[in-house]
Protein backbone atom coordinates (compact mmCIF):
# COMPACT_ATOMS: atom_id res chain seq x y z
CA UNK A 1 -2.59 -71.09 45.87
CA UNK A 2 -1.43 -74.51 45.45
CA UNK A 3 -0.94 -74.09 49.51
CA UNK A 4 -4.43 -72.81 49.67
CA UNK A 5 -5.44 -76.16 48.27
CA UNK A 6 -2.96 -78.43 50.43
CA UNK A 7 -4.51 -76.53 53.60
CA UNK A 8 -8.08 -76.53 52.78
CA UNK A 9 -7.99 -79.99 51.79
CA UNK A 10 -5.85 -81.40 55.15
CA UNK A 11 -8.53 -80.31 57.36
CA UNK A 12 -11.68 -83.00 56.52
CA UNK A 13 -8.50 -85.41 56.90
CA UNK A 14 -7.64 -84.49 60.06
CA UNK A 15 -11.55 -84.44 60.92
CA UNK A 16 -11.26 -88.56 59.45
CA UNK A 17 -7.83 -89.52 61.65
CA UNK A 18 -8.92 -87.78 64.71
CA UNK A 19 -12.81 -88.84 64.89
CA UNK A 20 -13.06 -91.75 62.55
CA UNK A 21 -9.94 -93.39 62.53
CA UNK A 22 -8.48 -93.02 65.57
CA UNK A 23 -11.18 -94.46 67.81
CA UNK A 24 -11.62 -97.40 65.78
CA UNK A 25 -10.86 -100.89 67.65
CA UNK A 26 -7.82 -101.57 65.03
CA UNK A 27 -4.27 -102.29 65.77
CA UNK A 28 -1.99 -99.29 65.56
CA UNK A 29 0.19 -100.27 62.63
CA UNK A 30 -3.58 -100.58 60.85
CA UNK A 31 -4.23 -97.20 61.83
CA UNK A 32 -0.91 -95.40 60.91
CA UNK A 33 -1.00 -97.48 57.51
CA UNK A 34 -4.68 -96.06 56.63
CA UNK A 35 -4.04 -92.43 58.18
CA UNK A 36 -0.81 -92.18 55.81
CA UNK A 37 -2.97 -93.42 52.35
CA UNK A 38 -5.56 -90.76 53.45
CA UNK A 39 -2.85 -88.36 54.18
CA UNK A 40 -1.31 -89.00 50.89
CA UNK A 41 -4.64 -88.84 49.30
CA UNK A 42 -6.04 -85.51 50.68
CA UNK A 43 -2.65 -84.16 49.44
CA UNK A 44 -4.05 -84.84 45.69
CA UNK A 45 -3.46 -81.28 44.44
CA UNK A 46 0.30 -81.05 45.72
CA UNK A 47 0.69 -84.55 43.70
CA UNK A 48 -0.67 -82.51 40.84
CA UNK A 49 1.31 -79.64 41.01
CA UNK A 50 4.79 -81.73 41.23
CA UNK A 51 3.49 -83.55 38.91
CA UNK A 52 3.08 -81.04 35.57
CA UNK A 53 3.80 -77.86 38.06
CA UNK A 54 0.23 -76.35 38.15
CA UNK A 55 -2.58 -77.71 40.40
CA UNK A 56 -5.15 -77.52 37.44
CA UNK A 57 -3.11 -80.34 35.69
CA UNK A 58 -2.41 -83.76 37.14
CA UNK A 59 -0.53 -85.20 34.66
CA UNK A 60 0.02 -89.36 35.98
CA UNK A 61 -2.19 -91.76 33.77
CA UNK A 62 -5.94 -91.71 33.44
CA UNK A 63 -6.51 -94.73 36.57
CA UNK A 64 -4.40 -92.92 39.17
CA UNK A 65 -6.22 -89.61 38.13
CA UNK A 66 -9.42 -91.59 38.69
CA UNK A 67 -8.42 -92.89 42.23
CA UNK A 68 -7.41 -90.03 43.65
CA UNK A 69 -10.65 -88.44 42.82
CA UNK A 70 -12.22 -91.09 44.06
CA UNK A 71 -10.24 -91.31 47.04
CA UNK A 72 -10.12 -87.54 47.69
CA UNK A 73 -14.28 -87.76 47.10
CA UNK A 74 -14.85 -90.32 49.45
CA UNK A 75 -12.35 -88.21 52.26
CA UNK A 76 -14.40 -85.14 52.13
CA UNK A 77 -18.01 -86.98 52.03
CA UNK A 78 -16.61 -89.25 55.18
CA UNK A 79 -15.44 -86.01 57.12
CA UNK A 80 -18.86 -84.56 56.41
CA UNK A 81 -20.53 -87.89 57.87
CA UNK A 82 -18.15 -88.31 61.06
CA UNK A 83 -19.36 -84.62 61.93
CA UNK A 84 -22.95 -85.48 61.24
CA UNK A 85 -22.46 -88.89 63.68
CA UNK A 86 -20.68 -85.84 65.95
CA UNK A 87 -23.50 -84.43 66.37
CA UNK A 88 -25.98 -86.41 66.36
CA UNK A 89 -24.07 -88.08 69.41
CA UNK A 90 -23.55 -84.73 71.50
CA UNK A 91 -27.59 -84.33 70.68
CA UNK A 92 -28.13 -87.96 72.32
CA UNK A 93 -25.89 -87.45 75.32
CA UNK A 94 -28.18 -84.34 75.76
CA UNK A 95 -31.37 -85.94 75.94
CA UNK A 96 -29.92 -89.13 77.52
CA UNK A 97 -28.09 -87.21 80.29
CA UNK A 98 -25.61 -89.91 80.08
CA UNK A 99 -22.04 -90.70 77.76
CA UNK A 100 -22.42 -92.85 74.91
CA UNK A 101 -20.09 -94.12 72.32
CA UNK A 102 -20.33 -94.55 68.77
CA UNK A 103 -20.33 -98.33 67.47
CA UNK A 104 -17.93 -99.27 65.48
CA UNK A 105 -20.42 -100.79 62.84
CA UNK A 106 -21.70 -97.36 62.59
CA UNK A 107 -18.34 -95.90 61.51
CA UNK A 108 -17.86 -98.43 59.30
CA UNK A 109 -21.45 -97.95 57.58
CA UNK A 110 -19.96 -93.75 57.44
CA UNK A 111 -17.04 -94.85 55.24
CA UNK A 112 -19.17 -97.58 53.34
CA UNK A 113 -21.43 -94.66 52.16
CA UNK A 114 -18.82 -92.31 51.27
CA UNK A 115 -17.09 -94.34 49.36
CA UNK A 116 -20.25 -96.00 47.22
CA UNK A 117 -21.37 -92.31 47.00
CA UNK A 118 -17.88 -91.27 45.54
CA UNK A 119 -17.87 -93.60 43.08
CA UNK A 120 -21.41 -92.93 41.79
CA UNK A 121 -19.75 -89.14 41.90
CA UNK A 122 -16.98 -90.00 39.37
CA UNK A 123 -18.79 -92.37 37.24
CA UNK A 124 -21.28 -89.54 36.66
CA UNK A 125 -18.89 -86.38 35.87
CA UNK A 126 -16.80 -89.01 33.37
CA UNK A 127 -20.23 -89.57 31.34
CA UNK A 128 -20.48 -88.44 28.09
CA UNK A 129 -23.83 -85.95 28.94
CA UNK A 130 -26.79 -85.89 27.46
CA UNK A 131 -28.42 -83.33 25.18
CA UNK A 132 -30.26 -80.86 27.49
CA UNK A 133 -33.21 -78.87 25.33
CA UNK A 134 -33.79 -75.22 26.91
CA UNK A 135 -36.50 -72.80 25.19
CA UNK A 136 -35.72 -69.31 25.03
CA UNK A 137 -38.62 -66.33 24.55
CA UNK A 138 -36.89 -63.64 22.95
CA UNK A 139 -38.85 -60.33 22.95
CA UNK A 140 -38.80 -59.34 19.03
CA UNK A 141 -37.37 -61.72 17.71
CA UNK A 142 -36.60 -61.29 13.91
CA UNK A 143 -39.58 -64.12 12.31
CA UNK A 144 -36.81 -65.96 10.75
CA UNK A 145 -34.48 -66.44 13.80
CA UNK A 146 -38.24 -68.18 15.45
CA UNK A 147 -36.53 -71.84 16.18
CA UNK A 148 -33.27 -70.95 15.81
CA UNK A 149 -31.29 -73.48 17.37
CA UNK A 150 -27.66 -72.73 19.49
CA UNK A 151 -25.90 -75.95 21.05
CA UNK A 152 -23.36 -74.69 24.40
CA UNK A 153 -20.42 -76.54 25.20
CA UNK A 154 -18.74 -75.40 28.58
CA UNK A 155 -16.18 -76.56 30.70
CA UNK A 156 -14.74 -79.34 29.21
CA UNK A 157 -11.63 -79.50 30.88
CA UNK A 158 -9.72 -81.42 28.34
CA UNK A 159 -7.18 -83.13 30.37
CA UNK A 160 -6.27 -86.62 31.13
CA UNK A 161 -9.48 -87.23 32.39
CA UNK A 162 -11.46 -86.05 29.67
CA UNK A 163 -8.96 -87.63 26.87
CA UNK A 164 -9.54 -87.72 23.07
CA UNK A 165 -12.21 -90.64 23.17
CA UNK A 166 -14.32 -88.62 25.65
CA UNK A 167 -13.80 -85.66 23.24
CA UNK A 168 -14.98 -87.47 20.02
CA UNK A 169 -18.05 -88.43 21.99
CA UNK A 170 -18.95 -84.93 22.55
CA UNK A 171 -18.29 -83.28 19.55
CA UNK A 172 -20.58 -86.61 17.79
CA UNK A 173 -23.54 -85.68 19.94
CA UNK A 174 -22.56 -82.36 19.49
CA UNK A 175 -22.87 -82.10 16.06
CA UNK A 176 -25.69 -84.70 15.89
CA UNK A 177 -28.43 -82.43 17.94
CA UNK A 178 -28.87 -80.40 14.61
CA UNK A 179 -28.20 -76.97 15.90
CA UNK A 180 -28.09 -73.94 13.56
CA UNK A 181 -24.71 -72.40 15.87
CA UNK A 182 -22.36 -74.14 18.18
CA UNK A 183 -20.75 -72.36 21.08
CA UNK A 184 -18.17 -73.04 23.28
CA UNK A 185 -18.05 -71.26 26.54
CA UNK A 186 -14.52 -71.55 27.90
CA UNK A 187 -12.22 -73.83 30.05
CA UNK A 188 -11.70 -76.09 26.82
CA UNK A 189 -8.65 -77.38 28.87
CA UNK A 190 -6.45 -78.04 31.66
CA UNK A 191 -2.66 -78.19 30.56
CA UNK A 192 -0.07 -76.80 28.00
CA UNK A 193 -0.60 -77.16 24.23
CA UNK A 194 1.96 -79.67 24.46
CA UNK A 195 0.42 -82.07 26.74
CA UNK A 196 -3.42 -81.78 25.29
CA UNK A 197 -2.67 -81.06 21.84
CA UNK A 198 -3.49 -84.85 20.60
CA UNK A 199 -6.59 -84.64 23.23
CA UNK A 200 -7.98 -81.76 21.89
CA UNK A 201 -7.83 -82.47 18.70
CA UNK A 202 -11.43 -83.89 18.11
CA UNK A 203 -12.69 -80.76 18.66
CA UNK A 204 -11.60 -79.35 15.25
CA UNK A 205 -14.80 -81.82 13.80
CA UNK A 206 -17.03 -79.43 15.45
CA UNK A 207 -19.27 -78.19 13.24
CA UNK A 208 -22.58 -76.47 12.57
CA UNK A 209 -24.54 -74.41 9.23
CA UNK A 210 -23.38 -70.77 11.42
CA UNK A 211 -20.49 -71.80 12.54
CA UNK A 212 -18.87 -72.88 15.71
CA UNK A 213 -17.80 -69.69 17.93
CA UNK A 214 -16.23 -69.66 21.43
CA UNK A 215 -14.54 -67.91 24.38
CA UNK A 216 -11.59 -68.30 26.93
CA UNK A 217 -12.51 -69.33 30.38
CA UNK A 218 -10.37 -68.62 33.26
CA UNK A 219 -8.50 -71.99 32.51
CA UNK A 220 -6.52 -70.96 29.25
CA UNK A 221 -4.92 -67.80 31.39
CA UNK A 222 -3.63 -70.67 33.38
CA UNK A 223 -1.44 -72.23 30.56
CA UNK A 224 -0.35 -70.03 28.22
CA UNK A 225 -3.42 -68.60 27.21
CA UNK A 226 -1.78 -67.07 23.61
CA UNK A 227 -0.97 -70.07 22.23
CA UNK A 228 -3.83 -71.78 23.12
CA UNK A 229 -5.96 -68.80 21.23
CA UNK A 230 -3.49 -69.43 18.10
CA UNK A 231 -4.59 -73.06 18.58
CA UNK A 232 -8.59 -72.79 18.79
CA UNK A 233 -8.01 -70.07 16.10
CA UNK A 234 -6.62 -72.87 13.58
CA UNK A 235 -8.88 -75.71 14.72
CA UNK A 236 -11.81 -73.73 13.08
CA UNK A 237 -12.99 -71.72 16.31
CA UNK A 238 -14.12 -67.98 15.56
CA UNK A 239 -12.96 -66.94 18.97
CA UNK A 240 -15.12 -63.33 20.09
CA UNK A 241 -12.54 -62.23 22.59
CA UNK A 242 -14.34 -59.14 23.25
CA UNK A 243 -16.20 -58.87 19.58
CA UNK A 244 -19.22 -59.85 17.80
CA UNK A 245 -20.46 -61.80 14.87
CA UNK A 246 -23.76 -61.04 13.06
CA UNK A 247 -25.51 -63.87 11.58
CA UNK A 248 -27.75 -62.90 8.70
CA UNK A 249 -31.51 -64.34 7.57
CA UNK A 250 -32.37 -62.43 4.59
CA UNK A 251 -33.18 -58.79 6.48
CA UNK A 252 -32.93 -60.19 9.61
CA UNK A 253 -30.15 -60.50 11.75
CA UNK A 254 -28.90 -62.20 15.33
CA UNK A 255 -25.81 -60.92 16.78
CA UNK A 256 -23.66 -63.66 18.65
CA UNK A 257 -20.80 -61.42 21.33
CA UNK A 258 -18.34 -62.56 23.75
CA UNK A 259 -15.89 -61.43 25.97
CA UNK A 260 -12.85 -62.64 27.76
CA UNK A 261 -12.78 -63.74 31.18
CA UNK A 262 -12.51 -62.32 34.39
CA UNK A 263 -9.16 -63.48 35.14
CA UNK A 264 -7.98 -62.05 32.48
CA UNK A 265 -6.55 -58.66 33.70
CA UNK A 266 -4.16 -60.98 36.03
CA UNK A 267 -2.77 -62.52 33.48
CA UNK A 268 -1.66 -59.29 31.76
CA UNK A 269 -4.19 -59.92 29.09
CA UNK A 270 -7.19 -57.82 27.89
CA UNK A 271 -9.96 -57.69 30.81
CA UNK A 272 -13.65 -58.18 29.70
CA UNK A 273 -15.07 -54.99 27.82
CA UNK A 274 -18.70 -55.61 26.97
CA UNK A 275 -18.84 -52.22 25.62
CA UNK A 276 -15.91 -53.11 22.85
CA UNK A 277 -17.62 -56.55 22.09
CA UNK A 278 -20.85 -54.90 21.15
CA UNK A 279 -19.46 -51.72 19.21
CA UNK A 280 -20.62 -51.38 15.58
CA UNK A 281 -23.39 -54.00 16.49
CA UNK A 282 -26.33 -53.63 14.57
CA UNK A 283 -28.97 -51.88 16.33
CA UNK A 284 -32.22 -53.83 16.98
CA UNK A 285 -30.52 -56.71 16.58
CA UNK A 286 -31.04 -59.58 19.25
CA UNK A 287 -27.85 -60.13 20.98
CA UNK A 288 -26.93 -63.81 22.27
CA UNK A 289 -23.53 -63.28 24.82
CA UNK A 290 -20.79 -65.11 25.48
CA UNK A 291 -19.30 -64.92 29.14
CA UNK A 292 -17.46 -67.77 30.85
CA UNK A 293 -18.78 -66.10 34.28
CA UNK A 294 -22.10 -65.21 35.00
CA UNK A 295 -21.46 -62.52 37.75
CA UNK A 296 -22.02 -59.67 35.67
CA UNK A 297 -24.87 -60.67 34.02
CA UNK A 298 -26.76 -57.44 35.57
CA UNK A 299 -24.72 -55.00 33.45
CA UNK A 300 -25.61 -57.69 30.04
CA UNK A 301 -29.09 -56.95 30.83
CA UNK A 302 -28.38 -53.60 31.50
CA UNK A 303 -27.06 -53.43 27.69
CA UNK A 304 -29.73 -54.81 25.92
CA UNK A 305 -28.51 -58.76 25.93
CA UNK A 306 -31.63 -60.94 25.45
CA UNK A 307 -29.50 -64.16 26.06
CA UNK A 308 -26.42 -64.64 28.02
CA UNK A 309 -24.77 -67.99 28.05
CA UNK A 310 -22.27 -69.15 30.95
CA UNK A 311 -20.52 -71.68 32.58
CA UNK A 312 -17.50 -72.02 35.18
CA UNK A 313 -19.53 -72.70 37.97
CA UNK A 314 -19.63 -76.34 37.39
CA UNK A 315 -23.32 -76.52 38.56
CA UNK A 316 -21.64 -76.48 42.15
CA UNK A 317 -20.90 -80.26 41.38
CA UNK A 318 -22.69 -81.79 44.40
CA UNK A 319 -26.15 -80.91 45.57
CA UNK A 320 -25.72 -78.30 48.76
CA UNK A 321 -21.98 -77.69 47.85
CA UNK A 322 -24.29 -75.73 45.50
CA UNK A 323 -25.38 -72.71 47.49
CA UNK A 324 -21.53 -72.16 48.80
CA UNK A 325 -20.63 -71.90 44.94
CA UNK A 326 -23.58 -69.57 44.15
CA UNK A 327 -22.34 -67.31 46.67
CA UNK A 328 -19.07 -66.80 45.12
CA UNK A 329 -20.70 -65.68 41.22
CA UNK A 330 -23.64 -63.21 42.39
CA UNK A 331 -26.36 -66.32 43.53
CA UNK A 332 -26.22 -67.41 39.98
CA UNK A 333 -24.93 -71.11 39.90
CA UNK A 334 -27.44 -73.40 37.40
CA UNK A 335 -29.84 -73.02 34.84
CA UNK A 336 -32.07 -70.51 34.01
CA UNK A 337 -32.43 -66.77 35.73
CA UNK A 338 -34.18 -63.90 34.49
CA UNK A 339 -32.09 -60.64 35.15
CA UNK A 340 -33.96 -57.70 34.37
CA UNK A 341 -35.30 -58.64 30.82
CA UNK A 342 -32.42 -60.64 30.26
CA UNK A 343 -32.52 -64.43 30.33
CA UNK A 344 -29.19 -65.99 31.48
CA UNK A 345 -28.76 -69.49 31.47
CA UNK A 346 -25.54 -71.00 33.92
CA UNK A 347 -24.67 -74.44 32.27
CA UNK A 348 -23.29 -77.28 35.15
CA UNK A 349 -20.60 -77.94 32.26
CA UNK A 350 -19.97 -80.75 29.59
CA UNK A 351 -17.03 -81.85 31.57
CA UNK A 352 -15.02 -81.11 34.71
CA UNK A 353 -11.89 -79.91 36.30
CA UNK A 354 -9.63 -82.80 36.65
CA UNK A 355 -8.82 -81.84 40.87
CA UNK A 356 -12.61 -82.22 41.50
CA UNK A 357 -14.10 -84.79 38.88
CA UNK A 358 -17.45 -85.87 40.91
CA UNK A 359 -20.97 -84.55 40.22
CA UNK A 360 -23.89 -85.81 42.88
CA UNK A 361 -27.47 -84.34 41.83
CA UNK A 362 -25.91 -81.76 39.61
CA UNK A 363 -26.01 -83.87 36.03
CA UNK A 364 -23.07 -82.42 33.15
CA UNK A 365 -24.83 -81.16 29.67
CA UNK A 366 -24.82 -80.90 26.49
CA UNK A 367 -27.40 -77.71 26.14
CA UNK A 368 -29.40 -77.06 22.89
CA UNK A 369 -31.14 -74.06 22.80
CA UNK A 370 -34.55 -72.99 20.91
CA UNK A 371 -35.21 -69.59 20.64
CA UNK A 372 -38.78 -68.34 20.09
CA UNK A 373 -40.19 -64.82 19.61
CA UNK A 374 -42.25 -63.24 21.86
CA UNK A 375 -43.66 -59.90 21.64
């Protein structure tokens, strides 16, 4: 996988080197030095693997990880802008029937815009998200659960980027949201327990009257899944790994179920099994399902799930890129979807993978759901 990352992300840099840098009227030594810096930035994931053994956990000091993300993002955006300039140049040449050259100031302007947008994207990703309110109508919701509130965190990706200070601020905002129940739908971390133990510690203070429930995401399987599950359980999370819990309000009941991630089988762990998760659940009680990836939403709807909460996609991170991300997730990428009578909500994520920490037009979120009764 790391080789694929290296090759894929070298392509935009080659576009920048050949189509943006080389034609500029600069001394050769400046071009060589700039080109080497760009190549180094493009191999961010290679340096991450060297630092920690995994492309998913860069173990540099936080300012360096942030700088790498900015440079990496600026390169990708500049490659896109240069392609647009090239297409515009070709179109103009066809109209004028004459050769033209892209002026150097236009190339510099493209680079400046890419640098500014990358900085904005990194800043957007690093913020502590606001609370986003979503009302969900649930058919035949028991009266005592009308107005019930659930707060969802997902894709925290606690890492060198999203450290203990950020996690503490997220916990404070989440606890202040006044939810009845708090859930975390996977991708807690990027790194081993030894790397991340201090940074996840603030999550121990998450609290809600009906408890804090969680499921694993795909990234937990990259870093000693069993060790992380034991640690999260010891921190007070009730892990719903192909299981469920029943919340009672007098004679009324609400089922909260959870499944493992689709990547579990490849890691030698139990694959997601909704049948097992719902085994023994009280008949007729509305079901809220926690499933890190949204791809199996139709199957959940067929089992009578009322509300599925997912993450994984990060909302696509950048407007336009979200369309590509949706293609790999059964068309689901961000926000609310109606799926055969079930409501699916795909969160943009609370944090973000430290290997691509940019958001443009796709804000992070702490999501507060209010359940409302409909008949």
